Amino acid sequence: MAVHGDSSGKSKDAMNDLTILNAENMMSNMKIINYSRTFMSIIAGVMAGILGFNGVIGFVFYIVVMAVTSLGLTAKANFSVHSYFDAWNRVLLDGFFGGLMSFVLFWTFAYDMVHIF
């Protein structure tokens, strides 16, 4: 992940008072989050289908997987999210509903392949 600010030529006090956001680094970080969530949604959908989860249990499984993914992304950022993103909700919520569609697609596909055919 890319850090927002560049500390070259600035005093330590000035860096504490001023938050510098680099748009290119932030876009790169957001792409990484979207790719990670999409990949984990596909993997979670296949796992839920193979394990035979039905109904609400499958959606609870998705929420748990996305919570673990958020925790992993936060750990990857060394728990200093504001160094890489402008807000906590970028790590916690971005890509949640987009990944849900991929999850349902692969969940139903894997369930049909394993349990119906």
N, C-alpha and C. Protein backbone atom coordinates (compact mmCIF):
# COMPACT_ATOMS: atom_id res chain seq x y z
N MET A 1 0.83 -1.16 0.00
CA MET A 1 0.00 0.00 0.00
C MET A 1 0.89 1.24 0.00
N ALA A 2 0.42 2.26 -0.63
CA ALA A 2 1.19 3.49 -0.75
C ALA A 2 0.77 4.48 0.33
N VAL A 3 1.74 5.18 0.89
CA VAL A 3 1.49 6.17 1.93
C VAL A 3 1.08 7.48 1.28
N HIS A 4 0.19 8.24 1.96
CA HIS A 4 -0.32 9.49 1.40
C HIS A 4 0.75 10.56 1.26
N GLY A 5 1.40 10.90 2.35
CA GLY A 5 2.28 12.06 2.35
C GLY A 5 3.73 11.71 2.12
N ASP A 6 4.49 12.69 1.72
CA ASP A 6 5.93 12.55 1.56
C ASP A 6 6.57 13.47 2.57
N SER A 7 7.41 12.93 3.44
CA SER A 7 7.95 13.71 4.54
C SER A 7 9.24 14.42 4.20
N SER A 8 9.67 14.41 2.96
CA SER A 8 10.94 15.04 2.62
C SER A 8 10.82 16.56 2.70
N GLY A 9 11.78 17.19 3.42
CA GLY A 9 11.83 18.64 3.49
C GLY A 9 10.85 19.27 4.46
N LYS A 10 10.17 18.51 5.30
CA LYS A 10 9.21 19.08 6.24
C LYS A 10 9.63 18.72 7.65
N SER A 11 9.38 19.62 8.55
CA SER A 11 9.69 19.34 9.94
C SER A 11 8.65 18.40 10.52
N LYS A 12 9.00 17.77 11.62
CA LYS A 12 8.11 16.80 12.24
C LYS A 12 6.83 17.47 12.76
N ASP A 13 6.94 18.69 13.29
CA ASP A 13 5.76 19.40 13.79
C ASP A 13 4.82 19.77 12.66
N ALA A 14 5.37 20.15 11.53
CA ALA A 14 4.53 20.51 10.39
C ALA A 14 3.78 19.28 9.87
N MET A 15 4.39 18.11 9.91
CA MET A 15 3.72 16.89 9.44
C MET A 15 2.59 16.50 10.37
N ASN A 16 2.72 16.77 11.66
CA ASN A 16 1.66 16.45 12.60
C ASN A 16 0.46 17.36 12.43
N ASP A 17 0.69 18.61 12.04
CA ASP A 17 -0.40 19.57 11.90
C ASP A 17 -1.10 19.49 10.55
N LEU A 18 -0.38 19.08 9.53
CA LEU A 18 -0.90 19.10 8.18
C LEU A 18 -0.98 17.69 7.60
N THR A 19 -2.16 17.31 7.15
CA THR A 19 -2.34 16.02 6.52
C THR A 19 -2.29 16.22 5.01
N ILE A 20 -1.39 15.53 4.37
CA ILE A 20 -1.22 15.64 2.93
C ILE A 20 -1.81 14.39 2.29
N LEU A 21 -2.73 14.58 1.37
CA LEU A 21 -3.35 13.45 0.67
C LEU A 21 -2.83 13.40 -0.76
N ASN A 22 -2.27 12.28 -1.13
CA ASN A 22 -1.81 12.07 -2.49
C ASN A 22 -2.89 11.28 -3.21
N ALA A 23 -3.54 11.89 -4.18
CA ALA A 23 -4.68 11.27 -4.86
C ALA A 23 -4.28 10.01 -5.60
N GLU A 24 -3.11 9.99 -6.19
CA GLU A 24 -2.67 8.80 -6.93
C GLU A 24 -2.47 7.60 -6.00
N ASN A 25 -1.86 7.84 -4.85
CA ASN A 25 -1.66 6.75 -3.89
C ASN A 25 -2.99 6.28 -3.31
N MET A 26 -3.91 7.23 -3.08
CA MET A 26 -5.20 6.85 -2.54
C MET A 26 -6.00 6.01 -3.54
N MET A 27 -5.93 6.36 -4.81
CA MET A 27 -6.62 5.56 -5.83
C MET A 27 -6.02 4.16 -5.93
N SER A 28 -4.70 4.07 -5.82
CA SER A 28 -4.04 2.77 -5.82
C SER A 28 -4.49 1.93 -4.63
N ASN A 29 -4.58 2.53 -3.47
CA ASN A 29 -5.04 1.82 -2.28
C ASN A 29 -6.49 1.37 -2.41
N MET A 30 -7.32 2.21 -3.01
CA MET A 30 -8.72 1.83 -3.19
C MET A 30 -8.87 0.68 -4.19
N LYS A 31 -8.02 0.65 -5.21
CA LYS A 31 -8.03 -0.48 -6.15
C LYS A 31 -7.66 -1.77 -5.45
N ILE A 32 -6.67 -1.69 -4.58
CA ILE A 32 -6.26 -2.88 -3.83
C ILE A 32 -7.40 -3.38 -2.95
N ILE A 33 -8.11 -2.47 -2.31
CA ILE A 33 -9.25 -2.87 -1.47
C ILE A 33 -10.34 -3.51 -2.31
N ASN A 34 -10.67 -2.91 -3.44
CA ASN A 34 -11.73 -3.47 -4.30
C ASN A 34 -11.35 -4.83 -4.84
N TYR A 35 -10.11 -5.00 -5.28
CA TYR A 35 -9.66 -6.31 -5.77
C TYR A 35 -9.69 -7.35 -4.66
N SER A 36 -9.25 -6.96 -3.47
CA SER A 36 -9.24 -7.89 -2.34
C SER A 36 -10.65 -8.32 -1.97
N ARG A 37 -11.56 -7.37 -1.91
CA ARG A 37 -12.94 -7.71 -1.55
C ARG A 37 -13.61 -8.57 -2.62
N THR A 38 -13.36 -8.26 -3.88
CA THR A 38 -13.94 -9.07 -4.94
C THR A 38 -13.41 -10.49 -4.89
N PHE A 39 -12.10 -10.64 -4.73
CA PHE A 39 -11.50 -11.97 -4.66
C PHE A 39 -12.03 -12.75 -3.47
N MET A 40 -12.10 -12.10 -2.30
CA MET A 40 -12.60 -12.79 -1.11
C MET A 40 -14.09 -13.11 -1.23
N SER A 41 -14.84 -12.29 -1.94
CA SER A 41 -16.26 -12.58 -2.17
C SER A 41 -16.43 -13.83 -3.02
N ILE A 42 -15.61 -13.96 -4.04
CA ILE A 42 -15.68 -15.14 -4.90
C ILE A 42 -15.29 -16.39 -4.13
N ILE A 43 -14.21 -16.32 -3.38
CA ILE A 43 -13.76 -17.47 -2.58
C ILE A 43 -14.81 -17.83 -1.53
N ALA A 44 -15.38 -16.84 -0.86
CA ALA A 44 -16.40 -17.09 0.15
C ALA A 44 -17.66 -17.68 -0.47
N GLY A 45 -18.03 -17.22 -1.66
CA GLY A 45 -19.20 -17.78 -2.34
C GLY A 45 -19.02 -19.24 -2.70
N VAL A 46 -17.84 -19.58 -3.19
CA VAL A 46 -17.56 -20.98 -3.52
C VAL A 46 -17.56 -21.83 -2.25
N MET A 47 -16.94 -21.33 -1.19
CA MET A 47 -16.92 -22.07 0.08
C MET A 47 -18.32 -22.27 0.64
N ALA A 48 -19.14 -21.23 0.61
CA ALA A 48 -20.51 -21.34 1.13
C ALA A 48 -21.33 -22.33 0.30
N GLY A 49 -21.11 -22.33 -1.01
CA GLY A 49 -21.82 -23.28 -1.86
C GLY A 49 -21.39 -24.71 -1.61
N ILE A 50 -20.10 -24.94 -1.48
CA ILE A 50 -19.60 -26.29 -1.24
C ILE A 50 -20.03 -26.79 0.14
N LEU A 51 -20.01 -25.90 1.14
CA LEU A 51 -20.41 -26.30 2.49
C LEU A 51 -21.93 -26.46 2.62
N GLY A 52 -22.68 -26.00 1.62
CA GLY A 52 -24.13 -26.19 1.61
C GLY A 52 -24.89 -25.21 2.46
N PHE A 53 -24.38 -24.02 2.66
CA PHE A 53 -25.10 -23.02 3.44
C PHE A 53 -26.35 -22.57 2.69
N ASN A 54 -27.43 -22.42 3.43
CA ASN A 54 -28.70 -21.96 2.86
C ASN A 54 -29.18 -20.73 3.60
N GLY A 55 -29.85 -19.84 2.87
CA GLY A 55 -30.54 -18.72 3.48
C GLY A 55 -29.64 -17.76 4.24
N VAL A 56 -30.09 -17.42 5.43
CA VAL A 56 -29.44 -16.40 6.24
C VAL A 56 -28.04 -16.82 6.66
N ILE A 57 -27.83 -18.12 6.85
CA ILE A 57 -26.50 -18.61 7.26
C ILE A 57 -25.45 -18.21 6.22
N GLY A 58 -25.77 -18.27 4.95
CA GLY A 58 -24.83 -17.87 3.91
C GLY A 58 -24.48 -16.39 3.98
N PHE A 59 -25.47 -15.55 4.24
CA PHE A 59 -25.21 -14.11 4.33
C PHE A 59 -24.42 -13.77 5.59
N VAL A 60 -24.66 -14.49 6.67
CA VAL A 60 -23.86 -14.30 7.89
C VAL A 60 -22.42 -14.71 7.61
N PHE A 61 -22.23 -15.78 6.86
CA PHE A 61 -20.89 -16.21 6.48
C PHE A 61 -20.19 -15.13 5.66
N TYR A 62 -20.92 -14.49 4.75
CA TYR A 62 -20.35 -13.40 3.96
C TYR A 62 -19.92 -12.23 4.85
N ILE A 63 -20.76 -11.86 5.81
CA ILE A 63 -20.43 -10.76 6.70
C ILE A 63 -19.19 -11.08 7.53
N VAL A 64 -19.07 -12.32 7.99
CA VAL A 64 -17.90 -12.74 8.76
C VAL A 64 -16.64 -12.68 7.88
N VAL A 65 -16.73 -13.17 6.65
CA VAL A 65 -15.58 -13.13 5.75
C VAL A 65 -15.17 -11.69 5.45
N MET A 66 -16.13 -10.80 5.25
CA MET A 66 -15.79 -9.41 4.99
C MET A 66 -15.21 -8.73 6.23
N ALA A 67 -15.65 -9.12 7.42
CA ALA A 67 -15.06 -8.57 8.64
C ALA A 67 -13.61 -9.03 8.78
N VAL A 68 -13.34 -10.28 8.48
CA VAL A 68 -11.96 -10.79 8.52
C VAL A 68 -11.12 -10.11 7.45
N THR A 69 -11.69 -9.87 6.28
CA THR A 69 -10.97 -9.16 5.22
C THR A 69 -10.64 -7.74 5.65
N SER A 70 -11.58 -7.04 6.28
CA SER A 70 -11.32 -5.69 6.77
C SER A 70 -10.22 -5.69 7.83
N LEU A 71 -10.26 -6.68 8.71
CA LEU A 71 -9.22 -6.79 9.72
C LEU A 71 -7.85 -7.05 9.08
N GLY A 72 -7.82 -7.90 8.07
CA GLY A 72 -6.57 -8.18 7.37
C GLY A 72 -6.03 -6.96 6.64
N LEU A 73 -6.90 -6.20 6.01
CA LEU A 73 -6.46 -4.98 5.32
C LEU A 73 -5.97 -3.93 6.31
N THR A 74 -6.62 -3.86 7.47
CA THR A 74 -6.17 -2.93 8.51
C THR A 74 -4.82 -3.36 9.06
N ALA A 75 -4.62 -4.66 9.23
CA ALA A 75 -3.33 -5.17 9.69
C ALA A 75 -2.25 -4.91 8.65
N LYS A 76 -2.60 -5.04 7.38
CA LYS A 76 -1.65 -4.76 6.30
C LYS A 76 -1.21 -3.30 6.34
N ALA A 77 -2.09 -2.41 6.79
CA ALA A 77 -1.77 -0.99 6.92
C ALA A 77 -1.15 -0.67 8.27
N ASN A 78 -0.74 -1.71 9.00
CA ASN A 78 -0.13 -1.55 10.32
C ASN A 78 -1.02 -0.81 11.31
N PHE A 79 -2.33 -0.98 11.17
CA PHE A 79 -3.34 -0.38 12.02
C PHE A 79 -3.26 1.15 12.06
N SER A 80 -2.62 1.75 11.08
CA SER A 80 -2.60 3.22 10.96
C SER A 80 -3.31 3.57 9.65
N VAL A 81 -4.61 3.44 9.68
CA VAL A 81 -5.43 3.59 8.48
C VAL A 81 -5.34 4.99 7.91
N HIS A 82 -5.22 6.00 8.76
CA HIS A 82 -5.19 7.38 8.27
C HIS A 82 -3.91 7.72 7.52
N SER A 83 -2.91 6.86 7.56
CA SER A 83 -1.71 7.06 6.74
C SER A 83 -1.95 6.65 5.30
N TYR A 84 -2.94 5.80 5.07
CA TYR A 84 -3.18 5.25 3.74
C TYR A 84 -4.53 5.65 3.15
N PHE A 85 -5.49 5.99 3.99
CA PHE A 85 -6.85 6.34 3.55
C PHE A 85 -7.31 7.58 4.28
N ASP A 86 -8.34 8.23 3.76
CA ASP A 86 -8.83 9.45 4.40
C ASP A 86 -9.82 9.17 5.52
N ALA A 87 -10.40 7.96 5.58
CA ALA A 87 -11.36 7.64 6.63
C ALA A 87 -11.39 6.13 6.88
N TRP A 88 -11.87 5.76 8.04
CA TRP A 88 -11.98 4.34 8.40
C TRP A 88 -12.98 3.60 7.51
N ASN A 89 -14.04 4.28 7.10
CA ASN A 89 -15.07 3.58 6.32
C ASN A 89 -14.56 3.12 4.96
N ARG A 90 -13.44 3.66 4.48
CA ARG A 90 -12.84 3.18 3.24
C ARG A 90 -12.41 1.73 3.38
N VAL A 91 -11.85 1.40 4.51
CA VAL A 91 -11.37 0.04 4.73
C VAL A 91 -12.52 -0.88 5.13
N LEU A 92 -13.44 -0.37 5.91
CA LEU A 92 -14.50 -1.22 6.46
C LEU A 92 -15.64 -1.49 5.49
N LEU A 93 -16.05 -0.50 4.70
CA LEU A 93 -17.29 -0.63 3.95
C LEU A 93 -17.17 -0.60 2.43
N ASP A 94 -16.12 0.01 1.89
CA ASP A 94 -16.03 0.13 0.43
C ASP A 94 -15.94 -1.25 -0.22
N GLY A 95 -16.78 -1.46 -1.21
CA GLY A 95 -16.79 -2.72 -1.93
C GLY A 95 -17.64 -3.80 -1.28
N PHE A 96 -18.31 -3.49 -0.18
CA PHE A 96 -19.10 -4.49 0.53
C PHE A 96 -20.28 -4.97 -0.31
N PHE A 97 -21.05 -4.04 -0.86
CA PHE A 97 -22.24 -4.44 -1.63
C PHE A 97 -21.89 -4.93 -3.03
N GLY A 98 -20.84 -4.41 -3.63
CA GLY A 98 -20.38 -4.91 -4.91
C GLY A 98 -19.89 -6.35 -4.80
N GLY A 99 -19.23 -6.65 -3.71
CA GLY A 99 -18.77 -8.01 -3.46
C GLY A 99 -19.92 -8.95 -3.16
N LEU A 100 -21.01 -8.41 -2.63
CA LEU A 100 -22.17 -9.24 -2.32
C LEU A 100 -22.76 -9.87 -3.57
N MET A 101 -22.76 -9.14 -4.66
CA MET A 101 -23.29 -9.69 -5.91
C MET A 101 -22.41 -10.85 -6.42
N SER A 102 -21.11 -10.69 -6.33
CA SER A 102 -20.20 -11.77 -6.73
C SER A 102 -20.36 -12.96 -5.80
N PHE A 103 -20.52 -12.69 -4.52
CA PHE A 103 -20.72 -13.76 -3.55
C PHE A 103 -21.94 -14.59 -3.88
N VAL A 104 -23.07 -13.95 -4.12
CA VAL A 104 -24.32 -14.66 -4.41
C VAL A 104 -24.19 -15.46 -5.72
N LEU A 105 -23.55 -14.89 -6.71
CA LEU A 105 -23.36 -15.59 -7.98
C LEU A 105 -22.58 -16.88 -7.79
N PHE A 106 -21.43 -16.80 -7.13
CA PHE A 106 -20.60 -17.99 -6.96
C PHE A 106 -21.16 -18.93 -5.90
N TRP A 107 -21.90 -18.42 -4.94
CA TRP A 107 -22.55 -19.25 -3.94
C TRP A 107 -23.58 -20.16 -4.60
N THR A 108 -24.45 -19.57 -5.41
CA THR A 108 -25.47 -20.38 -6.07
C THR A 108 -24.86 -21.33 -7.10
N PHE A 109 -23.83 -20.89 -7.80
CA PHE A 109 -23.18 -21.75 -8.79
C PHE A 109 -22.54 -22.97 -8.12
N ALA A 110 -21.78 -22.74 -7.06
CA ALA A 110 -21.10 -23.85 -6.37
C ALA A 110 -22.11 -24.76 -5.69
N TYR A 111 -23.16 -24.19 -5.11
CA TYR A 111 -24.19 -25.01 -4.47
C TYR A 111 -24.87 -25.90 -5.49
N ASP A 112 -25.21 -25.35 -6.65
CA ASP A 112 -25.85 -26.15 -7.69
C ASP A 112 -24.94 -27.26 -8.20
N MET A 113 -23.67 -26.96 -8.38
CA MET A 113 -22.74 -27.95 -8.90
C MET A 113 -22.51 -29.10 -7.92
N VAL A 114 -22.46 -28.81 -6.65
CA VAL A 114 -22.13 -29.83 -5.65
C VAL A 114 -23.37 -30.55 -5.15
N HIS A 115 -24.43 -29.84 -4.84
CA HIS A 115 -25.56 -30.44 -4.15
C HIS A 115 -26.74 -30.80 -5.03
N ILE A 116 -26.83 -30.23 -6.22
CA ILE A 116 -27.98 -30.53 -7.07
C ILE A 116 -27.59 -31.48 -8.20
N PHE A 117 -26.46 -31.22 -8.85
CA PHE A 117 -26.08 -32.06 -10.01
C PHE A 117 -25.28 -33.21 -9.61
